[in-house]
Amino acid sequence: MGLWSLLLLVPFVALLWVPFYNSTDPVLFGFPFFYWYQFLWVPITSF
């Protein structure tokens, strides 16, 4: 498995395990943790 495959595997596993981020607290700018955790991965994985 190449380096790029491992880099793609990290966000896949982080977002696949839903019970880890299935909560409402903490709230960031009025958004529950469930939503902003997923949105946080968009800029992380785009670079």
PDB file of N, CA and C in Angstrom:
ATOM      1  N   MET A   1       0.848  -1.173   0.000  1.00  0.00           N
ATOM      2  CA  MET A   1       0.000   0.000   0.000  1.00  0.00           C
ATOM      3  C   MET A   1       0.891   1.232   0.000  1.00  0.00           C
ATOM      4  N   GLY A   2       0.608   2.139  -0.912  1.00  0.00           N
ATOM      5  CA  GLY A   2       1.429   3.329  -1.041  1.00  0.00           C
ATOM      6  C   GLY A   2       1.088   4.394  -0.017  1.00  0.00           C
ATOM      7  N   LEU A   3       1.907   5.412  -0.016  1.00  0.00           N
ATOM      8  CA  LEU A   3       1.716   6.529   0.912  1.00  0.00           C
ATOM      9  C   LEU A   3       0.393   7.236   0.661  1.00  0.00           C
ATOM     10  N   TRP A   4       0.032   7.420  -0.606  1.00  0.00           N
ATOM     11  CA  TRP A   4      -1.218   8.112  -0.923  1.00  0.00           C
ATOM     12  C   TRP A   4      -2.424   7.312  -0.459  1.00  0.00           C
ATOM     13  N   SER A   5      -2.333   6.011  -0.531  1.00  0.00           N
ATOM     14  CA  SER A   5      -3.435   5.174  -0.046  1.00  0.00           C
ATOM     15  C   SER A   5      -3.604   5.319   1.457  1.00  0.00           C
ATOM     16  N   LEU A   6      -2.505   5.394   2.173  1.00  0.00           N
ATOM     17  CA  LEU A   6      -2.583   5.583   3.622  1.00  0.00           C
ATOM     18  C   LEU A   6      -3.154   6.955   3.979  1.00  0.00           C
ATOM     19  N   LEU A   7      -2.787   7.971   3.198  1.00  0.00           N
ATOM     20  CA  LEU A   7      -3.317   9.308   3.458  1.00  0.00           C
ATOM     21  C   LEU A   7      -4.820   9.382   3.195  1.00  0.00           C
ATOM     22  N   LEU A   8      -5.318   8.605   2.263  1.00  0.00           N
ATOM     23  CA  LEU A   8      -6.759   8.559   2.012  1.00  0.00           C
ATOM     24  C   LEU A   8      -7.483   7.709   3.040  1.00  0.00           C
ATOM     25  N   LEU A   9      -6.780   6.790   3.639  1.00  0.00           N
ATOM     26  CA  LEU A   9      -7.386   5.895   4.620  1.00  0.00           C
ATOM     27  C   LEU A   9      -7.698   6.615   5.935  1.00  0.00           C
ATOM     28  N   VAL A  10      -6.908   7.584   6.312  1.00  0.00           N
ATOM     29  CA  VAL A  10      -7.101   8.293   7.584  1.00  0.00           C
ATOM     30  C   VAL A  10      -8.460   8.994   7.657  1.00  0.00           C
ATOM     31  N   PRO A  11      -8.838   9.847   6.698  1.00  0.00           N
ATOM     32  CA  PRO A  11     -10.166  10.469   6.807  1.00  0.00           C
ATOM     33  C   PRO A  11     -11.298   9.471   6.618  1.00  0.00           C
ATOM     34  N   PHE A  12     -11.067   8.442   5.826  1.00  0.00           N
ATOM     35  CA  PHE A  12     -12.095   7.427   5.624  1.00  0.00           C
ATOM     36  C   PHE A  12     -12.442   6.750   6.940  1.00  0.00           C
ATOM     37  N   VAL A  13     -11.439   6.355   7.696  1.00  0.00           N
ATOM     38  CA  VAL A  13     -11.672   5.702   8.988  1.00  0.00           C
ATOM     39  C   VAL A  13     -12.238   6.698   9.993  1.00  0.00           C
ATOM     40  N   ALA A  14     -11.738   7.926   9.980  1.00  0.00           N
ATOM     41  CA  ALA A  14     -12.205   8.936  10.936  1.00  0.00           C
ATOM     42  C   ALA A  14     -13.674   9.277  10.738  1.00  0.00           C
ATOM     43  N   LEU A  15     -14.155   9.235   9.510  1.00  0.00           N
ATOM     44  CA  LEU A  15     -15.558   9.546   9.243  1.00  0.00           C
ATOM     45  C   LEU A  15     -16.441   8.307   9.221  1.00  0.00           C
ATOM     46  N   LEU A  16     -15.844   7.151   9.097  1.00  0.00           N
ATOM     47  CA  LEU A  16     -16.622   5.920   9.061  1.00  0.00           C
ATOM     48  C   LEU A  16     -17.118   5.535  10.445  1.00  0.00           C
ATOM     49  N   TRP A  17     -16.364   5.849  11.467  1.00  0.00           N
ATOM     50  CA  TRP A  17     -16.710   5.473  12.835  1.00  0.00           C
ATOM     51  C   TRP A  17     -17.631   6.542  13.430  1.00  0.00           C
ATOM     52  N   VAL A  18     -18.916   6.464  13.104  1.00  0.00           N
ATOM     53  CA  VAL A  18     -19.901   7.484  13.482  1.00  0.00           C
ATOM     54  C   VAL A  18     -20.088   7.629  14.991  1.00  0.00           C
ATOM     55  N   PRO A  19     -20.092   6.564  15.803  1.00  0.00           N
ATOM     56  CA  PRO A  19     -20.278   6.774  17.249  1.00  0.00           C
ATOM     57  C   PRO A  19     -19.236   7.693  17.882  1.00  0.00           C
ATOM     58  N   PHE A  20     -18.081   7.861  17.246  1.00  0.00           N
ATOM     59  CA  PHE A  20     -17.055   8.753  17.788  1.00  0.00           C
ATOM     60  C   PHE A  20     -17.509  10.209  17.773  1.00  0.00           C
ATOM     61  N   TYR A  21     -18.198  10.619  16.717  1.00  0.00           N
ATOM     62  CA  TYR A  21     -18.585  12.027  16.599  1.00  0.00           C
ATOM     63  C   TYR A  21     -20.097  12.236  16.627  1.00  0.00           C
ATOM     64  N   ASN A  22     -20.845  11.256  17.080  1.00  0.00           N
ATOM     65  CA  ASN A  22     -22.304  11.359  17.160  1.00  0.00           C
ATOM     66  C   ASN A  22     -22.713  12.003  18.483  1.00  0.00           C
ATOM     67  N   SER A  23     -22.493  13.303  18.593  1.00  0.00           N
ATOM     68  CA  SER A  23     -22.888  14.046  19.790  1.00  0.00           C
ATOM     69  C   SER A  23     -23.180  15.494  19.405  1.00  0.00           C
ATOM     70  N   THR A  24     -23.831  16.194  20.287  1.00  0.00           N
ATOM     71  CA  THR A  24     -24.141  17.600  20.007  1.00  0.00           C
ATOM     72  C   THR A  24     -23.147  18.548  20.658  1.00  0.00           C
ATOM     73  N   ASP A  25     -22.464  18.113  21.679  1.00  0.00           N
ATOM     74  CA  ASP A  25     -21.493  18.964  22.371  1.00  0.00           C
ATOM     75  C   ASP A  25     -20.086  18.570  21.980  1.00  0.00           C
ATOM     76  N   PRO A  26     -19.183  19.449  21.794  1.00  0.00           N
ATOM     77  CA  PRO A  26     -19.231  20.899  21.931  1.00  0.00           C
ATOM     78  C   PRO A  26     -19.851  21.550  20.696  1.00  0.00           C
ATOM     79  N   VAL A  27     -20.359  22.741  20.885  1.00  0.00           N
ATOM     80  CA  VAL A  27     -20.983  23.520  19.816  1.00  0.00           C
ATOM     81  C   VAL A  27     -19.987  24.572  19.340  1.00  0.00           C
ATOM     82  N   LEU A  28     -19.876  24.733  18.034  1.00  0.00           N
ATOM     83  CA  LEU A  28     -18.964  25.715  17.445  1.00  0.00           C
ATOM     84  C   LEU A  28     -19.767  26.609  16.506  1.00  0.00           C
ATOM     85  N   PHE A  29     -19.888  27.887  16.835  1.00  0.00           N
ATOM     86  CA  PHE A  29     -20.665  28.854  16.047  1.00  0.00           C
ATOM     87  C   PHE A  29     -22.106  28.393  15.841  1.00  0.00           C
ATOM     88  N   GLY A  30     -22.671  27.734  16.819  1.00  0.00           N
ATOM     89  CA  GLY A  30     -24.046  27.275  16.744  1.00  0.00           C
ATOM     90  C   GLY A  30     -24.231  25.924  16.079  1.00  0.00           C
ATOM     91  N   PHE A  31     -23.156  25.344  15.557  1.00  0.00           N
ATOM     92  CA  PHE A  31     -23.238  24.042  14.905  1.00  0.00           C
ATOM     93  C   PHE A  31     -22.859  22.947  15.889  1.00  0.00           C
ATOM     94  N   PRO A  32     -23.651  21.884  15.989  1.00  0.00           N
ATOM     95  CA  PRO A  32     -23.293  20.772  16.868  1.00  0.00           C
ATOM     96  C   PRO A  32     -22.025  20.072  16.371  1.00  0.00           C
ATOM     97  N   PHE A  33     -21.370  19.364  17.249  1.00  0.00           N
ATOM     98  CA  PHE A  33     -20.123  18.660  16.941  1.00  0.00           C
ATOM     99  C   PHE A  33     -20.285  17.720  15.761  1.00  0.00           C
ATOM    100  N   PHE A  34     -21.436  17.070  15.647  1.00  0.00           N
ATOM    101  CA  PHE A  34     -21.678  16.115  14.566  1.00  0.00           C
ATOM    102  C   PHE A  34     -21.448  16.750  13.198  1.00  0.00           C
ATOM    103  N   TYR A  35     -21.886  17.988  13.029  1.00  0.00           N
ATOM    104  CA  TYR A  35     -21.756  18.653  11.735  1.00  0.00           C
ATOM    105  C   TYR A  35     -20.380  19.260  11.526  1.00  0.00           C
ATOM    106  N   TRP A  36     -19.862  19.985  12.505  1.00  0.00           N
ATOM    107  CA  TRP A  36     -18.597  20.661  12.237  1.00  0.00           C
ATOM    108  C   TRP A  36     -17.417  19.706  12.199  1.00  0.00           C
ATOM    109  N   TYR A  37     -17.537  18.545  12.816  1.00  0.00           N
ATOM    110  CA  TYR A  37     -16.475  17.542  12.702  1.00  0.00           C
ATOM    111  C   TYR A  37     -16.356  17.061  11.258  1.00  0.00           C
ATOM    112  N   GLN A  38     -17.498  16.826  10.617  1.00  0.00           N
ATOM    113  CA  GLN A  38     -17.483  16.387   9.224  1.00  0.00           C
ATOM    114  C   GLN A  38     -16.988  17.499   8.303  1.00  0.00           C
ATOM    115  N   PHE A  39     -17.447  18.728   8.542  1.00  0.00           N
ATOM    116  CA  PHE A  39     -16.995  19.852   7.719  1.00  0.00           C
ATOM    117  C   PHE A  39     -15.516  20.154   7.934  1.00  0.00           C
ATOM    118  N   LEU A  40     -14.990  19.864   9.087  1.00  0.00           N
ATOM    119  CA  LEU A  40     -13.571  20.085   9.365  1.00  0.00           C
ATOM    120  C   LEU A  40     -12.683  19.223   8.469  1.00  0.00           C
ATOM    121  N   TRP A  41     -13.160  18.051   8.110  1.00  0.00           N
ATOM    122  CA  TRP A  41     -12.374  17.160   7.265  1.00  0.00           C
ATOM    123  C   TRP A  41     -12.281  17.639   5.821  1.00  0.00           C
ATOM    124  N   VAL A  42     -13.168  18.504   5.387  1.00  0.00           N
ATOM    125  CA  VAL A  42     -13.119  19.000   4.004  1.00  0.00           C
ATOM    126  C   VAL A  42     -11.828  19.780   3.741  1.00  0.00           C
ATOM    127  N   PRO A  43     -11.486  20.811   4.525  1.00  0.00           N
ATOM    128  CA  PRO A  43     -10.205  21.486   4.247  1.00  0.00           C
ATOM    129  C   PRO A  43      -8.984  20.632   4.587  1.00  0.00           C
ATOM    130  N   ILE A  44      -9.111  19.747   5.562  1.00  0.00           N
ATOM    131  CA  ILE A  44      -7.972  18.892   5.913  1.00  0.00           C
ATOM    132  C   ILE A  44      -7.611  17.978   4.750  1.00  0.00           C
ATOM    133  N   THR A  45      -8.606  17.390   4.110  1.00  0.00           N
ATOM    134  CA  THR A  45      -8.335  16.437   3.032  1.00  0.00           C
ATOM    135  C   THR A  45      -8.145  17.100   1.677  1.00  0.00           C
ATOM    136  N   SER A  46      -8.408  18.395   1.566  1.00  0.00           N
ATOM    137  CA  SER A  46      -8.256  19.052   0.268  1.00  0.00           C
ATOM    138  C   SER A  46      -6.814  19.473  -0.019  1.00  0.00           C
ATOM    139  N   PHE A  47      -5.948  19.431   0.963  1.00  0.00           N
ATOM    140  CA  PHE A  47      -4.556  19.838   0.739  1.00  0.00           C
ATOM    141  C   PHE A  47      -3.654  18.680   0.501  1.00  0.00           C
TER     142      PHE A  47
END
